[in-house]
């Protein structure tokens, strides 16, 4: 038995509401960058060694790419670009692990994203919202 036209319209409206609501939640979670490196001074807010900036901005023209840039802090200038960067696309290895890290804020997935086989218990990080 086929559903009536009104039942189909209602089902489509419910699906559209769900998609729109879910999309807004995901977009809000994705609109942040994250930074990681080996040494960070909590008191000064400066990185002691070069660090990586992982940026996924769904509002940009290249909304399905993840940008990874190497940065460093020197003297009174923060976030200097070292000239090393890559752009990950959906077909690249590790892409899904970056997405999972950005959604769940479980950055131990970054080890898998880079293809290293390090036990999760050895990955230490501090999440610091801005």
N, C-alpha and C. Protein backbone atom coordinates (compact mmCIF):
# COMPACT_ATOMS: atom_id res chain seq x y z
N UNK A 1 0.84 -1.17 0.00
CA UNK A 1 0.00 0.00 0.00
C UNK A 1 0.89 1.24 0.00
N UNK A 2 0.65 2.15 -0.90
CA UNK A 2 1.42 3.38 -1.03
C UNK A 2 0.89 4.46 -0.09
N UNK A 3 1.79 5.30 0.43
CA UNK A 3 1.31 6.40 1.28
C UNK A 3 0.59 7.45 0.44
N UNK A 4 -0.28 8.18 1.09
CA UNK A 4 -1.00 9.24 0.39
C UNK A 4 -0.07 10.42 0.13
N UNK A 5 -0.50 11.32 -0.72
CA UNK A 5 0.31 12.50 -1.05
C UNK A 5 0.58 13.35 0.19
N UNK A 6 -0.41 13.50 1.05
CA UNK A 6 -0.22 14.32 2.25
C UNK A 6 0.77 13.65 3.22
N UNK A 7 0.75 12.32 3.31
CA UNK A 7 1.70 11.61 4.16
C UNK A 7 3.14 11.76 3.64
N UNK A 8 3.29 11.73 2.32
CA UNK A 8 4.61 11.91 1.71
C UNK A 8 5.12 13.32 1.97
N UNK A 9 4.25 14.32 1.79
CA UNK A 9 4.65 15.71 2.04
C UNK A 9 5.06 15.91 3.51
N UNK A 10 4.29 15.32 4.41
CA UNK A 10 4.61 15.44 5.83
C UNK A 10 5.96 14.79 6.15
N UNK A 11 6.21 13.62 5.57
CA UNK A 11 7.48 12.93 5.79
C UNK A 11 8.65 13.75 5.26
N UNK A 12 8.48 14.38 4.11
CA UNK A 12 9.53 15.22 3.53
C UNK A 12 9.78 16.43 4.42
N UNK A 13 8.72 17.05 4.94
CA UNK A 13 8.88 18.21 5.82
C UNK A 13 9.63 17.83 7.10
N UNK A 14 9.31 16.68 7.66
CA UNK A 14 9.99 16.22 8.87
C UNK A 14 11.47 15.96 8.57
N UNK A 15 11.74 15.33 7.44
CA UNK A 15 13.13 15.06 7.05
C UNK A 15 13.90 16.36 6.85
N UNK A 16 13.30 17.34 6.20
CA UNK A 16 13.95 18.64 5.99
C UNK A 16 14.25 19.33 7.32
N UNK A 17 13.30 19.27 8.25
CA UNK A 17 13.53 19.87 9.56
C UNK A 17 14.70 19.20 10.28
N UNK A 18 14.74 17.87 10.21
CA UNK A 18 15.82 17.12 10.84
C UNK A 18 17.17 17.48 10.22
N UNK A 19 17.23 17.50 8.90
CA UNK A 19 18.48 17.82 8.20
C UNK A 19 18.94 19.23 8.55
N UNK A 20 18.04 20.18 8.52
CA UNK A 20 18.41 21.56 8.84
C UNK A 20 18.88 21.70 10.28
N UNK A 21 18.19 21.04 11.20
CA UNK A 21 18.58 21.13 12.62
C UNK A 21 19.94 20.47 12.85
N UNK A 22 20.15 19.31 12.26
CA UNK A 22 21.42 18.60 12.42
C UNK A 22 22.56 19.38 11.78
N UNK A 23 22.31 19.92 10.62
CA UNK A 23 23.35 20.67 9.91
C UNK A 23 23.82 21.86 10.73
N UNK A 24 22.93 22.55 11.37
CA UNK A 24 23.32 23.70 12.19
C UNK A 24 24.18 23.28 13.36
N UNK A 25 23.87 22.16 13.97
CA UNK A 25 24.68 21.67 15.10
C UNK A 25 26.08 21.34 14.61
N UNK A 26 26.18 20.61 13.50
CA UNK A 26 27.49 20.23 12.98
C UNK A 26 28.28 21.45 12.56
N UNK A 27 27.64 22.40 11.89
CA UNK A 27 28.35 23.61 11.46
C UNK A 27 28.88 24.39 12.65
N UNK A 28 28.11 24.47 13.72
CA UNK A 28 28.58 25.17 14.91
C UNK A 28 29.79 24.48 15.52
N UNK A 29 29.80 23.17 15.52
CA UNK A 29 30.94 22.44 16.07
C UNK A 29 32.18 22.58 15.20
N UNK A 30 31.98 22.70 13.88
CA UNK A 30 33.10 22.76 12.95
C UNK A 30 33.70 24.14 12.80
N UNK A 31 33.09 25.16 13.31
CA UNK A 31 33.56 26.51 13.00
C UNK A 31 34.74 26.94 13.87
N UNK A 32 35.50 25.99 14.36
CA UNK A 32 36.67 26.30 15.19
C UNK A 32 37.93 25.72 14.58
N UNK A 33 39.04 26.37 14.88
CA UNK A 33 40.35 25.84 14.53
C UNK A 33 40.93 25.17 15.77
N UNK A 34 41.91 24.35 15.57
CA UNK A 34 42.63 23.82 16.73
C UNK A 34 44.12 23.88 16.44
N UNK A 35 44.88 23.97 17.50
CA UNK A 35 46.32 24.11 17.43
C UNK A 35 46.95 23.02 18.27
N UNK A 36 48.04 22.43 17.79
CA UNK A 36 48.73 21.49 18.65
C UNK A 36 50.22 21.47 18.34
N UNK A 37 50.97 21.17 19.38
CA UNK A 37 52.42 21.12 19.28
C UNK A 37 52.98 20.46 20.51
N UNK A 38 54.29 20.53 20.66
CA UNK A 38 54.94 19.84 21.77
C UNK A 38 55.05 20.67 23.04
N UNK A 39 55.28 21.99 22.90
CA UNK A 39 55.52 22.79 24.10
C UNK A 39 54.77 24.11 24.01
N UNK A 40 53.96 24.36 25.04
CA UNK A 40 53.15 25.57 25.11
C UNK A 40 53.27 26.15 26.51
N UNK A 41 53.49 27.46 26.61
CA UNK A 41 53.60 28.12 27.90
C UNK A 41 52.23 28.66 28.30
N UNK A 42 51.62 28.03 29.28
CA UNK A 42 50.28 28.43 29.73
C UNK A 42 50.25 29.86 30.26
N UNK A 43 51.31 30.29 30.93
CA UNK A 43 51.33 31.63 31.54
C UNK A 43 51.38 32.74 30.50
N UNK A 44 52.21 32.57 29.49
CA UNK A 44 52.36 33.63 28.48
C UNK A 44 51.42 33.44 27.29
N UNK A 45 50.87 32.24 27.15
CA UNK A 45 50.01 31.97 26.00
C UNK A 45 50.78 31.85 24.70
N UNK A 46 52.05 31.50 24.79
CA UNK A 46 52.91 31.39 23.61
C UNK A 46 53.42 29.96 23.44
N UNK A 47 53.61 29.59 22.19
CA UNK A 47 54.22 28.30 21.88
C UNK A 47 55.73 28.45 21.95
N UNK A 48 56.39 27.48 22.56
CA UNK A 48 57.84 27.50 22.69
C UNK A 48 58.48 26.86 21.45
N UNK A 49 57.80 25.91 20.86
CA UNK A 49 58.28 25.26 19.64
C UNK A 49 57.25 25.49 18.53
N UNK A 50 57.63 25.29 17.26
CA UNK A 50 56.63 25.40 16.19
C UNK A 50 55.44 24.48 16.46
N UNK A 51 54.29 24.86 15.93
CA UNK A 51 53.05 24.12 16.17
C UNK A 51 52.23 24.08 14.89
N UNK A 52 51.19 23.27 14.90
CA UNK A 52 50.31 23.15 13.74
C UNK A 52 48.96 23.77 14.02
N UNK A 53 48.42 24.42 13.02
CA UNK A 53 47.06 24.96 13.07
C UNK A 53 46.23 24.11 12.12
N UNK A 54 45.16 23.52 12.65
CA UNK A 54 44.25 22.73 11.83
C UNK A 54 42.97 23.54 11.69
N UNK A 55 42.62 23.84 10.46
CA UNK A 55 41.50 24.73 10.22
C UNK A 55 40.49 24.07 9.28
N UNK A 56 39.27 24.01 9.73
CA UNK A 56 38.17 23.51 8.90
C UNK A 56 37.05 24.52 9.03
N UNK A 57 36.82 25.28 7.98
CA UNK A 57 35.81 26.32 8.01
C UNK A 57 34.73 26.01 6.98
N UNK A 58 33.58 25.52 7.41
CA UNK A 58 32.54 25.14 6.47
C UNK A 58 31.91 26.33 5.76
N UNK A 59 32.24 27.54 6.17
CA UNK A 59 31.64 28.71 5.55
C UNK A 59 32.51 29.27 4.43
N UNK A 60 33.68 28.67 4.20
CA UNK A 60 34.57 29.18 3.16
C UNK A 60 34.25 28.53 1.82
N UNK A 61 34.89 29.04 0.78
CA UNK A 61 34.69 28.53 -0.58
C UNK A 61 35.11 27.07 -0.68
N UNK A 62 36.21 26.71 -0.05
CA UNK A 62 36.71 25.33 -0.07
C UNK A 62 36.23 24.58 1.16
N UNK A 63 34.91 24.50 1.33
CA UNK A 63 34.35 24.04 2.60
C UNK A 63 34.58 22.57 2.93
N UNK A 64 35.07 21.78 2.00
CA UNK A 64 35.29 20.37 2.34
C UNK A 64 36.77 20.06 2.56
N UNK A 65 37.61 21.08 2.59
CA UNK A 65 39.04 20.87 2.78
C UNK A 65 39.46 21.22 4.20
N UNK A 66 40.46 20.51 4.67
CA UNK A 66 41.06 20.82 5.97
C UNK A 66 42.43 21.40 5.70
N UNK A 67 42.68 22.58 6.21
CA UNK A 67 43.98 23.24 6.04
C UNK A 67 44.84 22.98 7.26
N UNK A 68 46.07 22.53 7.04
CA UNK A 68 47.02 22.30 8.12
C UNK A 68 48.24 23.15 7.83
N UNK A 69 48.53 24.08 8.73
CA UNK A 69 49.65 25.01 8.53
C UNK A 69 50.60 24.94 9.71
N UNK A 70 51.87 25.03 9.41
CA UNK A 70 52.89 25.09 10.45
C UNK A 70 53.08 26.55 10.84
N UNK A 71 53.04 26.83 12.14
CA UNK A 71 53.15 28.19 12.67
C UNK A 71 54.21 28.24 13.76
N UNK A 72 54.65 29.44 14.09
CA UNK A 72 55.54 29.61 15.23
C UNK A 72 55.36 31.01 15.81
N UNK A 73 55.67 31.11 17.10
CA UNK A 73 55.63 32.40 17.80
C UNK A 73 57.07 32.89 17.97
N UNK A 74 57.31 34.14 17.61
CA UNK A 74 58.64 34.74 17.78
C UNK A 74 58.50 36.09 18.43
N UNK A 75 59.31 36.32 19.44
CA UNK A 75 59.34 37.59 20.17
C UNK A 75 57.93 38.09 20.45
N UNK A 76 57.51 39.19 19.84
CA UNK A 76 56.19 39.76 20.12
C UNK A 76 55.16 39.43 19.05
N UNK A 77 55.47 38.49 18.17
CA UNK A 77 54.56 38.16 17.07
C UNK A 77 54.12 36.71 17.21
N UNK A 78 52.81 36.50 17.21
CA UNK A 78 52.25 35.15 17.32
C UNK A 78 51.73 34.69 15.97
N UNK A 79 51.79 33.39 15.75
CA UNK A 79 51.17 32.80 14.58
C UNK A 79 51.86 33.07 13.26
N UNK A 80 53.18 33.20 13.28
CA UNK A 80 53.91 33.40 12.03
C UNK A 80 53.86 32.12 11.20
N UNK A 81 53.52 32.26 9.94
CA UNK A 81 53.45 31.12 9.03
C UNK A 81 54.87 30.71 8.65
N UNK A 82 55.19 29.43 8.82
CA UNK A 82 56.53 28.96 8.48
C UNK A 82 56.66 28.60 7.00
N UNK A 83 55.56 28.65 6.28
CA UNK A 83 55.59 28.34 4.85
C UNK A 83 55.24 26.90 4.53
N UNK A 84 55.04 26.09 5.54
CA UNK A 84 54.69 24.69 5.32
C UNK A 84 53.21 24.49 5.59
N UNK A 85 52.48 24.03 4.59
CA UNK A 85 51.06 23.77 4.79
C UNK A 85 50.58 22.74 3.78
N UNK A 86 49.49 22.09 4.13
CA UNK A 86 48.84 21.14 3.22
C UNK A 86 47.34 21.33 3.33
N UNK A 87 46.65 20.90 2.29
CA UNK A 87 45.18 20.90 2.30
C UNK A 87 44.73 19.46 2.09
N UNK A 88 43.96 18.97 3.05
CA UNK A 88 43.41 17.63 2.93
C UNK A 88 42.04 17.69 2.29
N UNK A 89 41.78 16.75 1.40
CA UNK A 89 40.47 16.63 0.79
C UNK A 89 39.81 15.36 1.31
N UNK A 90 38.56 15.20 1.01
CA UNK A 90 37.79 14.07 1.54
C UNK A 90 38.37 12.72 1.15
N UNK A 91 39.09 12.64 0.04
CA UNK A 91 39.64 11.36 -0.41
C UNK A 91 40.99 11.03 0.22
N UNK A 92 41.58 11.97 0.94
CA UNK A 92 42.91 11.77 1.53
C UNK A 92 42.85 10.91 2.79
N UNK A 93 43.92 10.12 2.98
CA UNK A 93 44.04 9.33 4.21
C UNK A 93 44.08 10.27 5.40
N UNK A 94 43.44 9.90 6.46
CA UNK A 94 43.47 10.70 7.68
C UNK A 94 42.38 11.74 7.77
N UNK A 95 41.73 12.06 6.66
CA UNK A 95 40.71 13.13 6.65
C UNK A 95 39.63 12.86 7.69
N UNK A 96 39.12 11.64 7.71
CA UNK A 96 38.01 11.32 8.61
C UNK A 96 38.43 11.43 10.07
N UNK A 97 39.71 11.17 10.37
CA UNK A 97 40.18 11.28 11.76
C UNK A 97 40.26 12.75 12.20
N UNK A 98 40.62 13.64 11.27
CA UNK A 98 40.60 15.07 11.60
C UNK A 98 39.17 15.52 11.89
N UNK A 99 38.23 15.09 11.05
CA UNK A 99 36.83 15.46 11.26
C UNK A 99 36.35 14.93 12.61
N UNK A 100 36.67 13.67 12.91
CA UNK A 100 36.24 13.09 14.18
C UNK A 100 36.84 13.85 15.36
N UNK A 101 38.11 14.25 15.25
CA UNK A 101 38.74 15.04 16.32
C UNK A 101 38.05 16.37 16.51
N UNK A 102 37.72 17.04 15.40
CA UNK A 102 37.10 18.36 15.49
C UNK A 102 35.67 18.29 16.04
N UNK A 103 34.96 17.20 15.76
CA UNK A 103 33.59 17.07 16.27
C UNK A 103 33.59 16.66 17.74
N UNK A 104 34.38 15.64 18.07
CA UNK A 104 34.33 15.07 19.42
C UNK A 104 35.26 15.76 20.41
N UNK A 105 36.20 16.55 19.90
CA UNK A 105 37.24 17.17 20.71
C UNK A 105 38.08 16.12 21.42
N UNK A 106 38.16 14.92 20.83
CA UNK A 106 39.06 13.86 21.29
C UNK A 106 40.24 13.87 20.33
N UNK A 107 41.28 14.59 20.69
CA UNK A 107 42.39 14.83 19.78
C UNK A 107 43.36 13.66 19.69
N UNK A 108 43.09 12.57 20.40
CA UNK A 108 43.92 11.39 20.23
C UNK A 108 43.75 10.80 18.83
N UNK A 109 42.65 11.16 18.15
CA UNK A 109 42.45 10.70 16.77
C UNK A 109 43.45 11.33 15.81
N UNK A 110 44.11 12.41 16.21
CA UNK A 110 45.10 13.04 15.34
C UNK A 110 46.29 12.11 15.09
N UNK A 111 46.58 11.23 16.04
CA UNK A 111 47.65 10.26 15.84
C UNK A 111 47.31 9.39 14.63
N UNK A 112 46.08 8.91 14.56
CA UNK A 112 45.65 8.10 13.42
C UNK A 112 45.63 8.93 12.14
N UNK A 113 45.27 10.19 12.27
CA UNK A 113 45.21 11.06 11.09
C UNK A 113 46.57 11.17 10.42
N UNK A 114 47.62 11.19 11.21
CA UNK A 114 48.96 11.27 10.65
C UNK A 114 49.55 9.90 10.34
N UNK A 115 48.78 8.84 10.62
CA UNK A 115 49.21 7.49 10.27
C UNK A 115 50.18 6.85 11.24
N UNK A 116 50.35 7.43 12.41
CA UNK A 116 51.27 6.85 13.39
C UNK A 116 50.56 5.80 14.23
N UNK A 117 51.32 4.84 14.68
CA UNK A 117 50.76 3.78 15.51
C UNK A 117 51.23 3.99 16.95
N UNK A 118 50.67 4.99 17.59
CA UNK A 118 50.99 5.31 18.97
C UNK A 118 49.76 4.98 19.81
N UNK A 119 49.96 4.33 20.92
CA UNK A 119 48.85 4.00 21.80
C UNK A 119 48.18 5.28 22.30
N UNK A 120 46.86 5.28 22.31
CA UNK A 120 46.06 6.44 22.72
C UNK A 120 46.44 6.96 24.11
N UNK A 121 46.87 6.06 25.00
CA UNK A 121 47.18 6.48 26.37
C UNK A 121 48.41 7.39 26.45
N UNK A 122 49.22 7.42 25.38
CA UNK A 122 50.41 8.27 25.37
C UNK A 122 50.16 9.63 24.74
N UNK A 123 48.95 9.87 24.30
CA UNK A 123 48.61 11.16 23.69
C UNK A 123 47.97 12.02 24.77
N UNK A 124 48.68 13.05 25.18
CA UNK A 124 48.19 13.96 26.22
C UNK A 124 47.87 15.30 25.59
N UNK A 125 46.76 15.87 25.96
CA UNK A 125 46.39 17.17 25.43
C UNK A 125 45.50 17.89 26.42
N UNK A 126 45.45 19.18 26.26
CA UNK A 126 44.57 20.02 27.07
C UNK A 126 43.66 20.76 26.12
N UNK A 127 42.37 20.66 26.34
CA UNK A 127 41.42 21.39 25.52
C UNK A 127 41.18 22.73 26.18
N UNK A 128 41.38 23.80 25.40
CA UNK A 128 41.24 25.14 25.95
C UNK A 128 40.35 25.95 25.02
N UNK A 129 39.06 26.09 25.32
CA UNK A 129 38.18 26.86 24.44
C UNK A 129 38.49 28.35 24.51
N UNK A 130 38.24 29.03 23.40
CA UNK A 130 38.46 30.48 23.36
C UNK A 130 37.15 31.22 23.39
